[in-house]
């Protein structure tokens, strides 16, 4: 078995599984319980310097 075939087999099996797990974790990260305040702060940051009266 050549190096290419070994790396190809790894990428097709464990590499795919690792990428899927990383994808799921990154998609779920903003929805964790302690993230509400940080998400709200990030969402309203662009309005920080706005003046409502002007």
PDB file of N, CA and C in Angstrom:
ATOM      1  N   UNK A   1       0.853  -1.183   0.000  1.00  0.00           N
ATOM      2  CA  UNK A   1       0.000   0.000   0.000  1.00  0.00           C
ATOM      3  C   UNK A   1       0.897   1.244   0.000  1.00  0.00           C
ATOM      4  N   UNK A   2       0.640   2.143  -0.921  1.00  0.00           N
ATOM      5  CA  UNK A   2       1.465   3.338  -1.028  1.00  0.00           C
ATOM      6  C   UNK A   2       1.031   4.388  -0.002  1.00  0.00           C
ATOM      7  N   UNK A   3       1.843   5.414   0.132  1.00  0.00           N
ATOM      8  CA  UNK A   3       1.540   6.503   1.068  1.00  0.00           C
ATOM      9  C   UNK A   3       0.257   7.210   0.645  1.00  0.00           C
ATOM     10  N   UNK A   4       0.088   7.382  -0.661  1.00  0.00           N
ATOM     11  CA  UNK A   4      -1.118   8.033  -1.164  1.00  0.00           C
ATOM     12  C   UNK A   4      -2.368   7.244  -0.783  1.00  0.00           C
ATOM     13  N   UNK A   5      -2.333   5.946  -0.968  1.00  0.00           N
ATOM     14  CA  UNK A   5      -3.493   5.123  -0.646  1.00  0.00           C
ATOM     15  C   UNK A   5      -3.772   5.120   0.853  1.00  0.00           C
ATOM     16  N   UNK A   6      -2.737   5.133   1.648  1.00  0.00           N
ATOM     17  CA  UNK A   6      -2.915   5.190   3.105  1.00  0.00           C
ATOM     18  C   UNK A   6      -3.555   6.500   3.527  1.00  0.00           C
ATOM     19  N   UNK A   7      -3.049   7.604   2.999  1.00  0.00           N
ATOM     20  CA  UNK A   7      -3.614   8.915   3.334  1.00  0.00           C
ATOM     21  C   UNK A   7      -5.040   9.044   2.792  1.00  0.00           C
ATOM     22  N   UNK A   8      -5.296   8.501   1.638  1.00  0.00           N
ATOM     23  CA  UNK A   8      -6.637   8.544   1.051  1.00  0.00           C
ATOM     24  C   UNK A   8      -7.620   7.760   1.913  1.00  0.00           C
ATOM     25  N   UNK A   9      -7.200   6.593   2.387  1.00  0.00           N
ATOM     26  CA  UNK A   9      -8.059   5.785   3.254  1.00  0.00           C
ATOM     27  C   UNK A   9      -8.330   6.519   4.562  1.00  0.00           C
ATOM     28  N   UNK A  10      -7.316   7.152   5.146  1.00  0.00           N
ATOM     29  CA  UNK A  10      -7.494   7.915   6.381  1.00  0.00           C
ATOM     30  C   UNK A  10      -8.458   9.080   6.163  1.00  0.00           C
ATOM     31  N   UNK A  11      -8.291   9.811   5.069  1.00  0.00           N
ATOM     32  CA  UNK A  11      -9.162  10.959   4.792  1.00  0.00           C
ATOM     33  C   UNK A  11     -10.602  10.522   4.537  1.00  0.00           C
ATOM     34  N   UNK A  12     -10.781   9.391   3.914  1.00  0.00           N
ATOM     35  CA  UNK A  12     -12.132   8.899   3.618  1.00  0.00           C
ATOM     36  C   UNK A  12     -12.847   8.385   4.856  1.00  0.00           C
ATOM     37  N   UNK A  13     -12.127   7.997   5.870  1.00  0.00           N
ATOM     38  CA  UNK A  13     -12.783   7.428   7.046  1.00  0.00           C
ATOM     39  C   UNK A  13     -12.664   8.364   8.246  1.00  0.00           C
ATOM     40  N   UNK A  14     -11.534   8.387   8.893  1.00  0.00           N
ATOM     41  CA  UNK A  14     -11.375   9.169  10.126  1.00  0.00           C
ATOM     42  C   UNK A  14     -11.322  10.667   9.868  1.00  0.00           C
ATOM     43  N   UNK A  15     -10.773  11.076   8.753  1.00  0.00           N
ATOM     44  CA  UNK A  15     -10.740  12.501   8.424  1.00  0.00           C
ATOM     45  C   UNK A  15     -12.143  13.051   8.216  1.00  0.00           C
ATOM     46  N   UNK A  16     -12.981  12.296   7.544  1.00  0.00           N
ATOM     47  CA  UNK A  16     -14.366  12.705   7.324  1.00  0.00           C
ATOM     48  C   UNK A  16     -15.120  12.782   8.646  1.00  0.00           C
ATOM     49  N   UNK A  17     -14.903  11.816   9.507  1.00  0.00           N
ATOM     50  CA  UNK A  17     -15.550  11.819  10.819  1.00  0.00           C
ATOM     51  C   UNK A  17     -15.094  13.018  11.647  1.00  0.00           C
ATOM     52  N   UNK A  18     -13.807  13.314  11.627  1.00  0.00           N
ATOM     53  CA  UNK A  18     -13.285  14.460  12.384  1.00  0.00           C
ATOM     54  C   UNK A  18     -13.859  15.772  11.857  1.00  0.00           C
ATOM     55  N   UNK A  19     -13.929  15.927  10.539  1.00  0.00           N
ATOM     56  CA  UNK A  19     -14.492  17.154   9.967  1.00  0.00           C
ATOM     57  C   UNK A  19     -15.971  17.304  10.302  1.00  0.00           C
ATOM     58  N   UNK A  20     -16.711  16.194  10.330  1.00  0.00           N
ATOM     59  CA  UNK A  20     -18.126  16.246  10.677  1.00  0.00           C
ATOM     60  C   UNK A  20     -18.307  16.656  12.138  1.00  0.00           C
ATOM     61  N   UNK A  21     -17.503  16.114  13.021  1.00  0.00           N
ATOM     62  CA  UNK A  21     -17.596  16.469  14.439  1.00  0.00           C
ATOM     63  C   UNK A  21     -17.248  17.940  14.651  1.00  0.00           C
ATOM     64  N   UNK A  22     -16.212  18.417  13.989  1.00  0.00           N
ATOM     65  CA  UNK A  22     -15.844  19.837  14.098  1.00  0.00           C
ATOM     66  C   UNK A  22     -16.975  20.710  13.565  1.00  0.00           C
ATOM     67  N   UNK A  23     -17.600  20.329  12.461  1.00  0.00           N
ATOM     68  CA  UNK A  23     -18.711  21.085  11.886  1.00  0.00           C
ATOM     69  C   UNK A  23     -19.876  21.178  12.867  1.00  0.00           C
ATOM     70  N   UNK A  24     -20.236  20.063  13.493  1.00  0.00           N
ATOM     71  CA  UNK A  24     -21.352  20.049  14.435  1.00  0.00           C
ATOM     72  C   UNK A  24     -21.037  20.918  15.648  1.00  0.00           C
ATOM     73  N   UNK A  25     -19.817  20.836  16.160  1.00  0.00           N
ATOM     74  CA  UNK A  25     -19.435  21.650  17.322  1.00  0.00           C
ATOM     75  C   UNK A  25     -19.479  23.135  16.972  1.00  0.00           C
ATOM     76  N   UNK A  26     -18.957  23.508  15.812  1.00  0.00           N
ATOM     77  CA  UNK A  26     -18.966  24.924  15.423  1.00  0.00           C
ATOM     78  C   UNK A  26     -20.378  25.438  15.160  1.00  0.00           C
ATOM     79  N   UNK A  27     -21.266  24.602  14.654  1.00  0.00           N
ATOM     80  CA  UNK A  27     -22.658  25.026  14.452  1.00  0.00           C
ATOM     81  C   UNK A  27     -23.387  25.179  15.781  1.00  0.00           C
ATOM     82  N   UNK A  28     -23.070  24.362  16.758  1.00  0.00           N
ATOM     83  CA  UNK A  28     -23.747  24.412  18.049  1.00  0.00           C
ATOM     84  C   UNK A  28     -23.132  25.435  18.997  1.00  0.00           C
ATOM     85  N   UNK A  29     -21.930  25.894  18.727  1.00  0.00           N
ATOM     86  CA  UNK A  29     -21.207  26.793  19.645  1.00  0.00           C
ATOM     87  C   UNK A  29     -21.996  28.053  20.016  1.00  0.00           C
ATOM     88  N   UNK A  30     -22.626  28.779  19.102  1.00  0.00           N
ATOM     89  CA  UNK A  30     -23.368  29.988  19.500  1.00  0.00           C
ATOM     90  C   UNK A  30     -24.597  29.709  20.349  1.00  0.00           C
ATOM     91  N   UNK A  31     -25.082  28.485  20.372  1.00  0.00           N
ATOM     92  CA  UNK A  31     -26.300  28.163  21.094  1.00  0.00           C
ATOM     93  C   UNK A  31     -26.049  27.582  22.485  1.00  0.00           C
ATOM     94  N   UNK A  32     -24.794  27.597  22.943  1.00  0.00           N
ATOM     95  CA  UNK A  32     -24.508  27.078  24.279  1.00  0.00           C
ATOM     96  C   UNK A  32     -25.106  28.017  25.318  1.00  0.00           C
ATOM     97  N   UNK A  33     -25.379  27.540  26.528  1.00  0.00           N
ATOM     98  CA  UNK A  33     -26.105  28.333  27.526  1.00  0.00           C
ATOM     99  C   UNK A  33     -25.430  29.655  27.912  1.00  0.00           C
ATOM    100  N   UNK A  34     -24.116  29.713  28.015  1.00  0.00           N
ATOM    101  CA  UNK A  34     -23.456  30.923  28.475  1.00  0.00           C
ATOM    102  C   UNK A  34     -23.158  31.950  27.392  1.00  0.00           C
ATOM    103  N   UNK A  35     -23.617  31.750  26.194  1.00  0.00           N
ATOM    104  CA  UNK A  35     -23.239  32.616  25.076  1.00  0.00           C
ATOM    105  C   UNK A  35     -24.251  33.723  24.784  1.00  0.00           C
ATOM    106  N   UNK A  36     -25.354  33.768  25.481  1.00  0.00           N
ATOM    107  CA  UNK A  36     -26.415  34.720  25.152  1.00  0.00           C
ATOM    108  C   UNK A  36     -25.927  36.161  25.238  1.00  0.00           C
ATOM    109  N   UNK A  37     -25.250  36.542  26.311  1.00  0.00           N
ATOM    110  CA  UNK A  37     -24.798  37.932  26.480  1.00  0.00           C
ATOM    111  C   UNK A  37     -23.751  38.296  25.429  1.00  0.00           C
ATOM    112  N   UNK A  38     -22.806  37.411  25.179  1.00  0.00           N
ATOM    113  CA  UNK A  38     -21.770  37.699  24.178  1.00  0.00           C
ATOM    114  C   UNK A  38     -22.371  37.822  22.783  1.00  0.00           C
ATOM    115  N   UNK A  39     -23.343  36.981  22.457  1.00  0.00           N
ATOM    116  CA  UNK A  39     -23.994  37.072  21.147  1.00  0.00           C
ATOM    117  C   UNK A  39     -24.776  38.376  21.014  1.00  0.00           C
ATOM    118  N   UNK A  40     -25.466  38.771  22.074  1.00  0.00           N
ATOM    119  CA  UNK A  40     -26.217  40.031  22.042  1.00  0.00           C
ATOM    120  C   UNK A  40     -25.262  41.219  21.910  1.00  0.00           C
ATOM    121  N   UNK A  41     -24.163  41.201  22.647  1.00  0.00           N
ATOM    122  CA  UNK A  41     -23.178  42.281  22.546  1.00  0.00           C
ATOM    123  C   UNK A  41     -22.597  42.370  21.137  1.00  0.00           C
ATOM    124  N   UNK A  42     -22.299  41.239  20.540  1.00  0.00           N
ATOM    125  CA  UNK A  42     -21.752  41.232  19.184  1.00  0.00           C
ATOM    126  C   UNK A  42     -22.782  41.715  18.170  1.00  0.00           C
ATOM    127  N   UNK A  43     -24.046  41.364  18.374  1.00  0.00           N
ATOM    128  CA  UNK A  43     -25.093  41.757  17.429  1.00  0.00           C
ATOM    129  C   UNK A  43     -25.395  43.247  17.490  1.00  0.00           C
ATOM    130  N   UNK A  44     -25.237  43.871  18.655  1.00  0.00           N
ATOM    131  CA  UNK A  44     -25.565  45.286  18.799  1.00  0.00           C
ATOM    132  C   UNK A  44     -24.334  46.186  18.787  1.00  0.00           C
ATOM    133  N   UNK A  45     -23.177  45.645  18.516  1.00  0.00           N
ATOM    134  CA  UNK A  45     -21.947  46.431  18.528  1.00  0.00           C
ATOM    135  C   UNK A  45     -21.955  47.535  17.472  1.00  0.00           C
ATOM    136  N   UNK A  46     -22.573  47.303  16.334  1.00  0.00           N
ATOM    137  CA  UNK A  46     -22.567  48.312  15.270  1.00  0.00           C
ATOM    138  C   UNK A  46     -23.392  49.544  15.648  1.00  0.00           C
ATOM    139  N   UNK A  47     -24.253  49.440  16.636  1.00  0.00           N
ATOM    140  CA  UNK A  47     -25.089  50.557  17.060  1.00  0.00           C
ATOM    141  C   UNK A  47     -24.514  51.291  18.266  1.00  0.00           C
ATOM    142  N   UNK A  48     -23.311  50.961  18.661  1.00  0.00           N
ATOM    143  CA  UNK A  48     -22.708  51.503  19.884  1.00  0.00           C
ATOM    144  C   UNK A  48     -22.606  53.025  19.854  1.00  0.00           C
ATOM    145  N   UNK A  49     -22.179  53.587  18.749  1.00  0.00           N
ATOM    146  CA  UNK A  49     -21.928  55.028  18.659  1.00  0.00           C
ATOM    147  C   UNK A  49     -23.079  55.799  18.013  1.00  0.00           C
ATOM    148  N   UNK A  50     -24.204  55.173  17.765  1.00  0.00           N
ATOM    149  CA  UNK A  50     -25.349  55.874  17.180  1.00  0.00           C
ATOM    150  C   UNK A  50     -25.979  56.811  18.208  1.00  0.00           C
ATOM    151  N   UNK A  51     -26.379  57.981  17.723  1.00  0.00           N
ATOM    152  CA  UNK A  51     -27.110  58.920  18.553  1.00  0.00           C
ATOM    153  C   UNK A  51     -28.578  58.875  18.153  1.00  0.00           C
ATOM    154  N   UNK A  52     -29.428  58.548  19.095  1.00  0.00           N
ATOM    155  CA  UNK A  52     -30.853  58.418  18.783  1.00  0.00           C
ATOM    156  C   UNK A  52     -31.519  59.763  18.498  1.00  0.00           C
ATOM    157  N   UNK A  53     -31.032  60.842  19.095  1.00  0.00           N
ATOM    158  CA  UNK A  53     -31.672  62.135  18.943  1.00  0.00           C
ATOM    159  C   UNK A  53     -31.267  62.881  17.672  1.00  0.00           C
ATOM    160  N   UNK A  54     -30.280  62.477  16.995  1.00  0.00           N
ATOM    161  CA  UNK A  54     -29.800  63.225  15.831  1.00  0.00           C
ATOM    162  C   UNK A  54     -30.117  62.575  14.529  1.00  0.00           C
TER     163      UNK A  54
END
